[in-house]
Protein backbone atom coordinates (compact mmCIF):
# COMPACT_ATOMS: atom_id res chain seq x y z
CA MET A 1 35.45 15.56 11.00
CA SER A 2 34.00 15.13 14.12
CA ALA A 3 33.84 18.32 15.39
CA ALA A 4 32.23 19.40 11.99
CA GLY A 5 29.93 16.48 12.24
CA GLY A 6 28.75 17.22 15.51
CA PRO A 7 27.00 20.45 15.20
CA ALA A 8 25.37 18.94 11.95
CA ARG A 9 24.37 15.83 13.56
CA SER A 10 22.91 17.71 16.63
CA SER A 11 21.21 20.60 13.92
CA ALA A 12 19.46 17.54 12.07
CA ARG A 13 17.79 15.97 15.03
CA LYS A 14 16.60 19.59 16.51
CA GLY A 15 12.98 19.67 16.75
CA LYS A 16 12.10 15.84 16.89
CA PRO A 17 8.97 15.13 13.71
CA ILE A 18 7.02 12.84 15.70
CA LEU A 19 3.89 12.60 13.84
CA SER A 20 6.35 12.22 10.74
CA LEU A 21 7.93 9.23 12.14
CA PHE A 22 4.63 7.71 13.76
CA LEU A 23 3.05 8.24 10.01
CA ALA A 24 6.67 6.79 8.15
CA THR A 25 6.62 3.78 10.76
CA SER A 26 2.99 3.08 10.43
CA CYS A 27 2.07 3.53 14.07
CA GLY A 28 5.51 2.11 15.31
CA LEU A 29 5.39 -0.72 13.58
CA GLY A 30 8.88 -0.25 11.96
CA TYR A 31 10.07 -0.35 15.17
CA ILE A 32 9.76 -4.31 14.94
CA PRO A 33 13.60 -5.71 15.59
CA LYS A 34 12.51 -8.49 12.52
CA ALA A 35 10.72 -8.26 9.38
CA PRO A 36 9.07 -4.44 9.71
CA GLY A 37 8.26 -4.54 6.27
CA THR A 38 6.09 -7.72 6.44
CA PHE A 39 4.24 -6.10 9.00
CA GLY A 40 4.20 -2.65 7.03
CA SER A 41 2.67 -5.19 4.37
CA LEU A 42 0.24 -6.79 6.93
CA ALA A 43 -0.89 -2.86 7.54
CA GLY A 44 -1.13 -2.33 3.80
CA LEU A 45 -3.58 -5.90 3.84
CA VAL A 46 -5.56 -4.14 6.57
CA LEU A 47 -6.38 -0.79 4.82
CA ALA A 48 -7.34 -2.88 1.73
CA LEU A 49 -10.38 -4.05 4.24
CA LEU A 50 -10.94 -0.98 5.84
CA PRO A 51 -12.99 0.90 3.24
CA PHE A 52 -15.56 -1.85 2.79
CA GLN A 53 -16.22 -2.43 6.52
CA LEU A 54 -16.50 1.62 6.68
CA LEU A 55 -18.62 2.57 3.95
CA THR A 56 -21.15 -0.04 4.26
CA ARG A 57 -20.82 -2.68 7.28
CA ARG A 58 -21.40 0.30 9.49
CA SER A 59 -24.37 1.52 7.83
CA GLY A 60 -26.05 -2.22 7.25
CA MET A 61 -25.83 -1.15 3.19
CA LEU A 62 -23.89 -2.74 0.65
CA VAL A 63 -22.08 -0.89 -1.94
CA GLN A 64 -24.01 -0.44 -5.16
CA THR A 65 -22.39 1.11 -8.18
CA VAL A 66 -24.40 4.62 -9.17
CA LEU A 67 -25.15 5.95 -12.66
CA ILE A 68 -23.46 9.29 -12.99
CA ARG A 69 -23.69 11.31 -16.51
CA GLY A 70 -24.64 7.59 -18.25
CA VAL A 71 -21.45 5.90 -16.52
CA TRP A 72 -21.44 3.60 -13.47
CA ILE A 73 -19.80 4.58 -10.86
CA ASP A 74 -18.26 2.11 -8.37
CA PRO A 75 -17.89 4.26 -5.03
CA LEU A 76 -15.98 1.57 -3.51
CA LEU A 77 -13.59 1.85 -5.82
CA VAL A 78 -13.12 5.56 -6.35
CA PHE A 79 -12.77 5.49 -2.45
CA GLN A 80 -10.09 2.89 -2.83
CA ILE A 81 -8.63 5.29 -5.57
CA TYR A 82 -8.42 7.87 -3.09
CA VAL A 83 -6.92 6.05 -0.17
CA THR A 84 -4.15 5.32 -2.41
CA LEU A 85 -2.87 8.45 -3.35
CA CYS A 86 -3.69 9.80 -0.08
CA VAL A 87 -1.08 7.01 1.48
CA ALA A 88 1.51 7.45 -1.39
CA LEU A 89 1.74 10.98 -1.53
CA LEU A 90 2.02 10.77 2.76
CA GLY A 91 4.65 8.56 2.44
CA VAL A 92 6.74 10.80 0.51
CA TRP A 93 6.34 13.52 2.71
CA THR A 94 7.02 11.23 6.27
CA ALA A 95 9.66 9.01 4.81
CA THR A 96 11.35 12.52 3.75
CA ARG A 97 11.40 13.91 7.11
CA ALA A 98 12.06 10.71 8.65
CA ALA A 99 15.35 9.97 6.29
CA ARG A 100 16.60 13.53 7.59
CA TYR A 101 16.09 12.88 10.58
CA TRP A 102 18.03 9.63 11.29
CA GLN A 103 20.44 10.68 8.48
CA GLU A 104 19.70 8.00 6.28
CA GLU A 105 19.03 7.20 2.63
CA ASP A 106 16.41 4.50 3.08
CA PRO A 107 15.82 3.94 7.00
CA GLN A 108 14.59 0.63 7.56
CA ARG A 109 12.06 1.95 10.05
CA VAL A 110 9.96 3.19 7.65
CA VAL A 111 7.61 0.82 6.44
CA ILE A 112 4.31 3.35 4.80
CA ASP A 113 6.21 2.12 1.81
CA GLU A 114 5.64 -1.05 2.12
CA VAL A 115 1.72 0.09 3.65
CA SER A 116 1.46 2.09 0.47
CA GLY A 117 3.00 -1.02 -2.18
CA GLN A 118 0.59 -4.07 -0.26
CA HIS A 119 -2.48 -1.61 -1.04
CA ILE A 120 -1.80 -1.23 -4.59
CA THR A 121 -0.99 -4.77 -5.30
CA LEU A 122 -4.24 -5.73 -3.84
CA LEU A 123 -6.17 -2.90 -5.88
CA LEU A 124 -4.20 -3.86 -8.84
CA GLY A 125 -4.74 -7.10 -8.74
CA SER A 126 -8.47 -7.88 -7.29
CA ALA A 127 -9.96 -4.73 -8.76
CA LEU A 128 -8.87 -4.91 -12.40
CA PRO A 129 -11.89 -6.57 -13.86
CA VAL A 130 -11.75 -10.35 -15.59
CA TRP A 131 -13.81 -9.19 -18.94
CA TRP A 132 -14.37 -12.57 -20.17
CA ARG A 133 -15.79 -13.67 -16.92
CA PRO A 134 -19.13 -12.28 -15.71
CA ALA A 135 -19.98 -12.16 -11.95
CA THR A 136 -21.02 -15.31 -10.67
CA ALA A 137 -23.15 -16.04 -6.97
CA SER A 138 -19.70 -16.92 -5.92
CA TRP A 139 -19.08 -12.56 -5.27
CA ALA A 140 -21.68 -12.98 -3.34
CA PRO A 141 -20.67 -10.73 -0.09
CA SER A 142 -17.91 -12.51 2.28
CA ARG A 143 -16.98 -11.50 6.22
CA MET A 144 -14.11 -10.00 4.18
CA GLY A 145 -16.13 -7.68 1.60
CA PHE A 146 -15.29 -6.38 -1.00
CA ILE A 147 -12.08 -4.05 -2.44
CA THR A 148 -14.40 -2.68 -4.81
CA TYR A 149 -18.35 -4.05 -5.61
CA GLN A 150 -17.25 -6.54 -8.27
CA SER A 151 -14.34 -7.90 -6.54
CA ALA A 152 -14.98 -9.53 -3.53
CA LEU A 153 -11.85 -10.08 -0.66
CA ASN A 154 -10.85 -13.98 -0.61
CA TRP A 155 -8.45 -15.06 1.81
CA LYS A 156 -6.17 -17.07 -0.93
CA TYR A 157 -6.30 -13.88 -3.03
CA LEU A 158 -5.26 -11.78 0.28
CA LEU A 159 -2.53 -14.23 1.29
CA LEU A 160 -1.60 -14.69 -2.34
CA GLY A 161 -0.95 -10.53 -2.97
CA LEU A 162 0.98 -10.43 0.34
CA ILE A 163 3.33 -13.28 -0.58
CA LEU A 164 3.88 -12.04 -4.12
CA PHE A 165 4.25 -7.99 -2.97
CA ARG A 166 7.10 -9.47 -0.37
CA VAL A 167 9.17 -11.56 -3.58
CA PHE A 168 8.68 -8.45 -5.82
CA ASP A 169 9.93 -6.10 -2.94
CA ILE A 170 13.05 -8.04 -2.00
CA TRP A 171 13.73 -8.89 -5.98
CA LYS A 172 13.49 -5.14 -7.01
CA PRO A 173 12.84 -5.84 -10.65
CA PHE A 174 13.92 -3.19 -13.41
CA PRO A 175 13.11 -0.51 -12.64
CA ALA A 176 12.42 -1.11 -8.94
CA ARG A 177 16.00 -0.73 -8.13
CA GLN A 178 16.41 2.25 -10.46
CA ALA A 179 13.93 3.79 -8.71
CA GLU A 180 15.75 3.89 -5.10
CA SER A 181 17.91 6.86 -6.56
CA LEU A 182 15.13 9.06 -7.02
CA PRO A 183 15.49 11.65 -4.17
CA ALA A 184 14.34 11.75 -0.65
CA GLY A 185 10.76 10.34 -0.23
CA TRP A 186 10.43 9.52 -3.33
CA GLY A 187 13.35 6.82 -4.27
CA ILE A 188 11.94 5.46 -1.11
CA MET A 189 8.45 5.10 -2.19
CA ALA A 190 8.76 4.50 -5.50
CA ASP A 191 10.48 1.17 -5.61
CA ASP A 192 7.84 -0.74 -3.88
CA TRP A 193 5.74 0.94 -6.20
CA VAL A 194 7.24 -0.75 -8.76
CA ALA A 195 7.32 -3.85 -6.79
CA ALA A 196 3.16 -3.50 -6.33
CA ILE A 197 2.30 -3.14 -10.07
CA TYR A 198 4.54 -6.87 -10.92
CA ALA A 199 2.61 -8.12 -7.71
CA GLY A 200 -1.04 -6.98 -8.71
CA LEU A 201 -0.60 -7.83 -12.22
CA VAL A 202 0.79 -11.33 -11.42
CA LEU A 203 -2.47 -11.64 -8.96
CA TRP A 204 -4.91 -10.70 -11.57
CA ILE A 205 -3.55 -13.04 -13.42
CA ALA A 206 -4.32 -15.85 -10.97
CA ARG A 207 -7.64 -14.22 -10.81
CA ALA A 208 -8.50 -14.33 -14.35
CA LEU A 209 -6.93 -17.95 -14.52
CA GLY A 210 -9.37 -19.19 -11.98
CA LEU A 211 -6.39 -20.03 -9.52
């Protein structure tokens, strides 16, 4: 068995996918010996903060909704959705390559799934409108900025979103655990997406109740 397994293992490790490992571990955060998933979640939180900083603080302009063909479009929301899709697809690809290289189904060092899940949590929880509560002066620009033009980033909601996602990611309510059986990187990423949906909805309820 060792003779047969040796060449196979050597062949699997031939050609180290450096870029994939770098991205899958979220720039090396996955190599932190304790609680790498939590550090991945913190990276996801930072990812939610970046679009506003990049699009507005650099130019000194506040993001405004834009009227396109009779529809009001929030460019910051569009950018956040684009980031969500890019990180999710990149996560599937890099997680697949990392799992094959390390010959593990779900390597603990792969934390791009936590990055993606945390970002989705904050996007859902903060961007979904609370229809019966109009925007007020409390939504004025903060130092952290916005996740969308109508959703100011609040440190309490950021902290709550972080805690909620970690709880649901560890708990893995239905169908998160079942999603782990999906092939390759899909299984690594999908359970965090399910956890993110649960966490995002609870975060939205907290916003809706004014907590």
